[in-house]
Amino acid sequence: MEADDEISDPPAPASPAVSSERLHQHASSSTLSRLGSILGDDISQADDEITLAPPPAFEVAPPPEPDERYCWVCFATEEDDRSAPWVKPCNCRGATKWVHQSCLLRWIDEKQRGNPFKKINCPQCRTEYIVILPSMGSIAMLLERLDRLAKRMSPGLAAGVIVCSVYWSALTFGAITVLQTIGYERGMAVLCKAEPYALMLCLPTIPAALIIGRMIRWELILLRFFQKRQVRLRQFISLVLPVSNEPNPAYPNPAPLPVGPLHTSDPLSVTRLFCGALILPTVSSIIGRVFFSSVENNLRRTIIGGLVFVTVKGVLKMYYQQRKYTRANRRLILDYTADNVRRYKFPRGGD
């Protein structure tokens, strides 16, 4: 009995499938262990390189643009009017890339102002709009070309007409001035004997010379000369330009005011300059006939009359400008009191 208990049963034989799997696992494990022992260093280095290498950089795609359409002319969306045609006419992106076809055409009409061939650009990206004009027919196209040609030629023709009118007016004025200055009979003889080309070149220069001479304001230049040297030439200035030193009325001026800069020149009026220059020959002829009738030569008499007129006018203008200058230097601002208001603002006693 005890011998039987000490003898154990033999192990059951393994099945052929289980034994084959175990053999395969054992072989694969042994092969991997050998490969690992041989290539251990290389694998560890590769692992280090893989772990140390930075991750590849990926490009971030831009966010998709919104699909909602928004008209930058009428501020309407696609939901407001689903039947309206849309167009993307330029390189804009975002909310301003879409626009209604009708709104854009109306905006282009406002910019072109009746000229359908004027190029229009986008106000944001400055891209030129591609505008297709349908055909109107051969006759309409011919009329359109003629209209465009007339528009291009009109400014030049208008400028030419104005220049010719001015030239003819200057030529006529020059001839009249010659007749008025040297006499009708002698003037006609001079005009008839002269060459036509010489008359066409010389006569228009007469009004131009009168206008240029009128622009030289000699009296103001002479007045400034006297005013800058009025300390040395005070007696002479008093004789030529009688200036009083006391203001009128006598304002209460406790201390003398500093003399300001010389502002004697008035703004030049173009119309006054033009009229004064063109009327000078007529005035000179009249003054010569009235005051210098003893001079028989008409040209000499007109020249003397013109010199007298210009001299007297210049002296009077110098006197007037000097009085204005003196008045401006003696201005005074008073205190706003009841006495000053009653005395100066209402000098006649009115409320």
Protein backbone atom coordinates (compact mmCIF):
# COMPACT_ATOMS: atom_id res chain seq x y z
CA MET A 1 0.00 0.00 0.00
CA GLU A 2 2.78 2.46 0.86
CA ALA A 3 4.71 1.56 -2.25
CA ASP A 4 1.74 2.26 -4.34
CA ASP A 5 1.31 5.70 -2.70
CA GLU A 6 4.97 6.69 -3.38
CA ILE A 7 4.78 5.85 -7.10
CA SER A 8 3.10 8.69 -8.96
CA ASP A 9 1.24 8.44 -12.18
CA PRO A 10 3.17 9.44 -15.35
CA PRO A 11 2.26 12.68 -16.98
CA ALA A 12 -0.19 12.54 -19.76
CA PRO A 13 1.34 12.85 -23.17
CA ALA A 14 0.90 16.28 -24.79
CA SER A 15 -1.15 16.59 -27.85
CA PRO A 16 0.69 17.18 -31.12
CA ALA A 17 -0.91 20.69 -31.63
CA VAL A 18 0.06 21.95 -28.21
CA SER A 19 3.58 20.65 -28.54
CA SER A 20 4.04 22.33 -31.93
CA GLU A 21 2.83 25.69 -30.60
CA ARG A 22 5.19 25.50 -27.67
CA LEU A 23 8.08 24.62 -29.95
CA HIS A 24 7.26 27.55 -32.26
CA GLN A 25 7.04 30.00 -29.36
CA HIS A 26 10.30 28.72 -27.90
CA ALA A 27 12.05 29.05 -31.28
CA SER A 28 10.75 32.55 -31.90
CA SER A 29 11.69 33.71 -28.42
CA SER A 30 15.16 32.30 -28.76
CA THR A 31 15.59 33.92 -32.18
CA LEU A 32 14.47 37.31 -30.90
CA SER A 33 16.77 37.04 -27.90
CA ARG A 34 19.72 36.29 -30.17
CA LEU A 35 18.86 39.14 -32.54
CA GLY A 36 18.44 41.44 -29.59
CA SER A 37 21.79 40.48 -28.17
CA ILE A 38 23.46 41.06 -31.54
CA LEU A 39 21.62 44.29 -32.54
CA GLY A 40 20.99 45.63 -29.07
CA ASP A 41 23.27 48.55 -29.40
CA ASP A 42 21.96 49.59 -32.83
CA ILE A 43 18.33 49.38 -31.73
CA SER A 44 19.01 51.41 -28.60
CA GLN A 45 20.75 54.08 -30.68
CA ALA A 46 17.87 54.12 -33.16
CA ASP A 47 15.43 54.47 -30.30
CA ASP A 48 17.41 57.40 -28.94
CA GLU A 49 17.47 59.05 -32.35
CA ILE A 50 13.76 58.55 -32.77
CA THR A 51 12.98 59.96 -29.38
CA LEU A 52 15.33 62.92 -29.83
CA ALA A 53 14.20 63.87 -33.36
CA PRO A 54 11.67 66.77 -33.38
CA PRO A 55 8.20 66.05 -34.65
CA PRO A 56 7.58 67.02 -38.28
CA ALA A 57 6.03 70.43 -38.85
CA PHE A 58 2.60 70.46 -40.43
CA GLU A 59 1.17 73.49 -42.28
CA VAL A 60 -1.91 74.95 -40.69
CA ALA A 61 -4.65 75.27 -43.23
CA PRO A 62 -6.45 78.64 -43.25
CA PRO A 63 -9.92 78.60 -41.81
CA PRO A 64 -12.58 78.18 -44.39
CA GLU A 65 -14.26 81.36 -45.50
CA PRO A 66 -17.85 81.81 -44.52
CA ASP A 67 -20.33 80.75 -47.12
CA GLU A 68 -22.78 83.52 -46.26
CA ARG A 69 -22.94 86.16 -48.98
CA TYR A 70 -23.00 89.80 -47.99
CA CYS A 71 -23.45 92.71 -50.45
CA TRP A 72 -21.17 95.65 -49.61
CA VAL A 73 -23.35 98.09 -51.59
CA CYS A 74 -26.85 97.51 -50.16
CA PHE A 75 -25.74 95.63 -46.99
CA ALA A 76 -28.13 92.76 -47.76
CA THR A 77 -27.51 89.06 -47.27
CA GLU A 78 -28.51 86.06 -49.31
CA GLU A 79 -31.48 85.42 -47.05
CA ASP A 80 -32.96 88.86 -47.74
CA ASP A 81 -33.34 88.25 -51.48
CA ARG A 82 -32.66 84.76 -52.76
CA SER A 83 -33.56 85.58 -56.37
CA ALA A 84 -30.95 88.39 -56.79
CA PRO A 85 -27.88 87.35 -58.83
CA TRP A 86 -24.51 87.54 -57.08
CA VAL A 87 -21.05 88.16 -58.53
CA LYS A 88 -17.48 88.01 -57.20
CA PRO A 89 -15.81 90.64 -59.46
CA CYS A 90 -12.41 91.13 -57.80
CA ASN A 91 -9.72 89.55 -55.60
CA CYS A 92 -11.29 90.59 -52.31
CA ARG A 93 -11.84 87.98 -49.63
CA GLY A 94 -14.19 87.74 -46.73
CA ALA A 95 -17.34 89.81 -46.45
CA THR A 96 -16.56 92.14 -49.37
CA LYS A 97 -15.95 89.58 -52.10
CA TRP A 98 -19.65 89.14 -52.94
CA VAL A 99 -21.94 91.82 -54.30
CA HIS A 100 -25.24 91.97 -56.07
CA GLN A 101 -24.97 92.26 -59.84
CA SER A 102 -27.57 95.05 -59.93
CA CYS A 103 -26.00 96.94 -57.04
CA LEU A 104 -22.56 96.80 -58.63
CA LEU A 105 -23.91 97.98 -61.99
CA ARG A 106 -25.63 100.92 -60.31
CA TRP A 107 -22.44 101.80 -58.44
CA ILE A 108 -20.41 101.58 -61.69
CA ASP A 109 -22.91 103.90 -63.42
CA GLU A 110 -22.36 106.50 -60.73
CA LYS A 111 -18.60 106.29 -61.19
CA GLN A 112 -18.60 106.32 -64.99
CA ARG A 113 -21.03 109.27 -65.29
CA GLY A 114 -22.29 108.38 -68.71
CA ASN A 115 -18.98 107.09 -70.10
CA PRO A 116 -19.38 103.30 -70.45
CA PHE A 117 -15.75 102.88 -71.52
CA LYS A 118 -14.28 104.34 -68.36
CA LYS A 119 -12.30 101.77 -66.37
CA ILE A 120 -13.54 101.16 -62.85
CA ASN A 121 -11.47 99.51 -60.12
CA CYS A 122 -12.45 97.88 -56.85
CA PRO A 123 -12.20 100.42 -54.01
CA GLN A 124 -10.56 97.83 -51.74
CA CYS A 125 -8.12 95.69 -53.76
CA ARG A 126 -7.89 98.05 -56.80
CA THR A 127 -8.71 95.22 -59.22
CA GLU A 128 -10.19 96.39 -62.52
CA TYR A 129 -13.71 95.14 -63.06
CA ILE A 130 -14.37 93.12 -66.19
CA VAL A 131 -17.44 94.74 -67.75
CA ILE A 132 -18.85 93.17 -70.89
CA LEU A 133 -20.87 95.47 -73.15
CA PRO A 134 -23.27 93.71 -75.50
CA SER A 135 -23.38 94.70 -79.15
CA MET A 136 -25.87 97.41 -80.17
CA GLY A 137 -25.64 97.00 -83.91
CA SER A 138 -23.47 98.57 -86.59
CA ILE A 139 -25.40 101.86 -86.84
CA ALA A 140 -25.47 102.39 -83.09
CA MET A 141 -21.78 101.54 -82.84
CA LEU A 142 -20.98 104.11 -85.55
CA LEU A 143 -22.97 106.76 -83.72
CA GLU A 144 -21.22 105.90 -80.50
CA ARG A 145 -17.80 106.31 -82.12
CA LEU A 146 -18.80 109.66 -83.54
CA ASP A 147 -20.03 110.74 -80.11
CA ARG A 148 -16.74 109.73 -78.52
CA LEU A 149 -14.79 111.58 -81.21
CA ALA A 150 -16.87 114.71 -80.64
CA LYS A 151 -16.24 114.53 -76.90
CA ARG A 152 -12.51 114.29 -77.45
CA MET A 153 -12.34 117.13 -79.97
CA SER A 154 -14.69 119.54 -78.19
CA PRO A 155 -12.19 120.84 -75.56
CA GLY A 156 -9.55 121.53 -78.20
CA LEU A 157 -12.00 123.25 -80.53
CA ALA A 158 -13.40 125.36 -77.69
CA ALA A 159 -9.91 126.41 -76.64
CA GLY A 160 -9.06 127.27 -80.24
CA VAL A 161 -12.19 129.40 -80.61
CA ILE A 162 -11.42 131.25 -77.38
CA VAL A 163 -7.81 131.88 -78.43
CA CYS A 164 -8.89 133.11 -81.87
CA SER A 165 -11.50 135.39 -80.32
CA VAL A 166 -8.96 136.87 -77.93
CA TYR A 167 -6.46 137.33 -80.73
CA TRP A 168 -8.99 139.01 -83.00
CA SER A 169 -10.14 141.27 -80.16
CA ALA A 170 -6.53 142.21 -79.39
CA LEU A 171 -5.88 142.88 -83.09
CA THR A 172 -8.96 145.11 -83.35
CA PHE A 173 -8.14 146.93 -80.13
CA GLY A 174 -4.59 147.55 -81.34
CA ALA A 175 -5.84 149.03 -84.63
CA ILE A 176 -8.34 151.27 -82.81
CA THR A 177 -5.62 152.43 -80.42
CA VAL A 178 -3.36 153.37 -83.35
CA LEU A 179 -6.14 155.36 -85.00
CA GLN A 180 -7.03 157.04 -81.72
CA THR A 181 -3.47 157.89 -80.81
CA ILE A 182 -1.99 159.28 -84.02
CA GLY A 183 -5.20 160.41 -85.70
CA TYR A 184 -7.62 158.76 -88.07
CA GLU A 185 -6.13 159.88 -91.40
CA ARG A 186 -2.52 159.30 -90.46
CA GLY A 187 -3.39 156.05 -88.73
CA MET A 188 -5.17 154.69 -91.81
CA ALA A 189 -2.19 155.62 -93.93
CA VAL A 190 0.17 153.79 -91.58
CA LEU A 191 -2.04 150.71 -91.47
CA CYS A 192 -2.40 150.63 -95.25
CA LYS A 193 1.31 150.98 -95.93
CA ALA A 194 2.41 148.41 -93.33
CA GLU A 195 2.84 144.77 -94.13
CA PRO A 196 -0.10 142.53 -93.14
CA TYR A 197 2.13 140.09 -91.28
CA ALA A 198 3.72 142.94 -89.31
CA LEU A 199 0.29 144.26 -88.36
CA MET A 200 -0.89 140.81 -87.31
CA LEU A 201 2.15 140.46 -85.05
CA CYS A 202 2.43 144.01 -83.68
CA LEU A 203 -1.16 145.13 -83.15
CA PRO A 204 -2.12 142.36 -80.65
CA THR A 205 0.90 143.28 -78.51
CA ILE A 206 -0.56 146.73 -77.76
CA PRO A 207 -3.21 145.55 -75.23
CA ALA A 208 -0.73 143.05 -73.78
CA ALA A 209 1.80 145.83 -73.22
CA LEU A 210 -0.85 148.04 -71.61
CA ILE A 211 -1.84 145.27 -69.19
CA ILE A 212 1.77 144.49 -68.27
CA GLY A 213 2.48 148.19 -67.73
CA ARG A 214 -0.60 148.47 -65.52
CA MET A 215 0.68 145.64 -63.35
CA ILE A 216 3.77 147.67 -62.41
CA ARG A 217 2.59 149.56 -59.31
CA TRP A 218 5.26 152.22 -59.28
CA GLU A 219 3.41 154.52 -56.90
CA LEU A 220 3.43 151.92 -54.11
CA ILE A 221 7.15 151.27 -54.63
CA LEU A 222 7.85 155.00 -54.37
CA LEU A 223 5.63 155.32 -51.31
CA ARG A 224 7.50 152.53 -49.51
CA PHE A 225 10.76 154.26 -50.36
CA PHE A 226 9.52 157.49 -48.76
CA GLN A 227 8.08 155.74 -45.72
CA LYS A 228 11.32 153.90 -44.96
CA ARG A 229 13.25 157.19 -45.15
CA GLN A 230 10.67 159.48 -43.63
CA VAL A 231 13.03 160.51 -40.83
CA ARG A 232 15.55 161.99 -43.26
CA LEU A 233 13.04 163.14 -45.84
CA ARG A 234 10.24 164.27 -43.51
CA GLN A 235 10.06 167.76 -44.90
CA PHE A 236 9.89 166.51 -48.47
CA ILE A 237 7.20 163.97 -47.56
CA SER A 238 5.17 166.65 -45.80
CA LEU A 239 5.19 168.69 -48.98
CA VAL A 240 4.28 165.81 -51.27
CA LEU A 241 2.03 163.90 -48.87
CA PRO A 242 0.41 166.21 -46.30
CA VAL A 243 -0.04 163.99 -43.25
CA SER A 244 -1.41 165.20 -39.96
CA ASN A 245 -0.02 163.75 -36.76
CA GLU A 246 -3.18 164.08 -34.70
CA PRO A 247 -5.92 161.49 -35.11
CA ASN A 248 -9.45 162.54 -35.85
CA PRO A 249 -11.34 162.25 -33.53
CA ALA A 250 -8.81 162.64 -30.71
CA TYR A 251 -9.05 159.31 -28.92
CA PRO A 252 -7.54 159.06 -25.43
CA ASN A 253 -4.16 157.57 -26.21
CA PRO A 254 -2.04 157.48 -23.03
CA ALA A 255 1.13 156.23 -24.71
CA PRO A 256 2.44 156.14 -28.27
CA LEU A 257 1.75 152.89 -30.08
CA PRO A 258 4.53 150.99 -31.83
CA VAL A 259 4.64 151.43 -35.55
CA GLY A 260 3.55 148.27 -37.32
CA PRO A 261 4.76 146.88 -40.62
CA LEU A 262 4.00 148.65 -43.86
CA HIS A 263 0.82 147.30 -45.39
CA THR A 264 0.14 149.73 -48.19
CA SER A 265 -0.60 147.39 -51.06
CA ASP A 266 -4.19 146.44 -51.71
CA PRO A 267 -5.16 143.09 -53.22
CA LEU A 268 -4.78 143.21 -56.97
CA SER A 269 -8.13 143.03 -58.76
CA VAL A 270 -7.96 141.34 -62.16
CA THR A 271 -11.05 143.05 -63.54
CA ARG A 272 -9.93 146.46 -62.35
CA LEU A 273 -6.47 145.88 -63.81
CA PHE A 274 -7.91 144.79 -67.14
CA CYS A 275 -10.35 147.69 -67.43
CA GLY A 276 -7.79 150.28 -66.30
CA ALA A 277 -5.23 149.08 -68.85
CA LEU A 278 -7.63 149.06 -71.80
CA ILE A 279 -9.17 152.44 -71.01
CA LEU A 280 -5.80 154.21 -70.71
CA PRO A 281 -5.42 155.15 -74.44
CA THR A 282 -8.89 156.71 -74.53
CA VAL A 283 -8.34 158.71 -71.34
CA SER A 284 -4.92 159.85 -72.54
CA SER A 285 -6.35 161.03 -75.86
CA ILE A 286 -9.15 162.95 -74.14
CA ILE A 287 -6.80 164.64 -71.64
CA GLY A 288 -4.39 165.56 -74.45
CA ARG A 289 -7.13 167.15 -76.53
CA VAL A 290 -8.62 169.08 -73.59
CA PHE A 291 -5.52 170.37 -71.77
CA PHE A 292 -2.85 170.25 -74.48
CA SER A 293 -4.68 171.33 -77.61
CA SER A 294 -1.79 173.62 -78.56
CA VAL A 295 0.31 170.56 -79.42
CA GLU A 296 -0.33 169.80 -83.08
CA ASN A 297 1.12 166.29 -83.20
CA ASN A 298 -1.59 163.85 -82.13
CA LEU A 299 0.83 161.17 -80.93
CA ARG A 300 2.81 163.63 -78.82
CA ARG A 301 -0.36 165.13 -77.41
CA THR A 302 -1.70 161.70 -76.44
CA ILE A 303 1.57 160.70 -74.82
CA ILE A 304 1.67 163.90 -72.77
CA GLY A 305 -1.95 163.41 -71.72
CA GLY A 306 -1.21 159.82 -70.69
CA LEU A 307 1.84 160.84 -68.63
CA VAL A 308 -0.13 163.55 -66.85
CA PHE A 309 -2.98 161.16 -66.11
CA VAL A 310 -0.69 158.43 -64.76
CA THR A 311 1.31 160.91 -62.66
CA VAL A 312 -1.71 162.60 -61.08
CA LYS A 313 -3.37 159.28 -60.42
CA GLY A 314 -0.18 157.91 -58.83
CA VAL A 315 0.26 160.94 -56.54
CA LEU A 316 -3.36 160.74 -55.38
CA LYS A 317 -3.01 157.04 -54.75
CA MET A 318 0.17 157.60 -52.74
CA TYR A 319 -1.60 160.21 -50.64
CA TYR A 320 -4.55 157.88 -50.06
CA GLN A 321 -2.33 154.95 -49.09
CA GLN A 322 -0.30 157.11 -46.71
CA ARG A 323 -3.48 158.27 -44.99
CA LYS A 324 -4.62 154.69 -44.62
CA TYR A 325 -1.25 153.74 -43.19
CA THR A 326 -1.35 156.57 -40.67
CA ARG A 327 -4.89 155.68 -39.61
CA ALA A 328 -3.95 152.02 -39.14
CA ASN A 329 -0.96 152.91 -36.93
CA ARG A 330 -3.12 155.10 -34.67
CA ARG A 331 -5.84 152.61 -33.98
CA LEU A 332 -6.81 152.06 -30.35
CA ILE A 333 -9.18 149.67 -28.61
CA LEU A 334 -10.98 151.28 -25.67
CA ASP A 335 -12.41 149.75 -22.54
CA TYR A 336 -16.05 148.70 -22.83
CA THR A 337 -17.55 151.14 -20.39
CA ALA A 338 -20.81 153.01 -20.38
CA ASP A 339 -19.03 156.30 -20.98
CA ASN A 340 -17.10 154.99 -24.00
CA VAL A 341 -20.21 153.33 -25.43
CA ARG A 342 -22.21 156.54 -25.08
CA ARG A 343 -19.39 158.68 -26.44
CA TYR A 344 -18.09 156.64 -29.38
CA LYS A 345 -20.56 153.91 -30.22
CA PHE A 346 -23.59 156.15 -30.11
CA PRO A 347 -22.13 159.65 -30.61
CA ARG A 348 -25.53 161.19 -31.29
CA GLY A 349 -27.00 160.09 -28.00
CA GLY A 350 -29.19 157.28 -29.36
CA ASP A 351 -29.75 154.12 -27.29
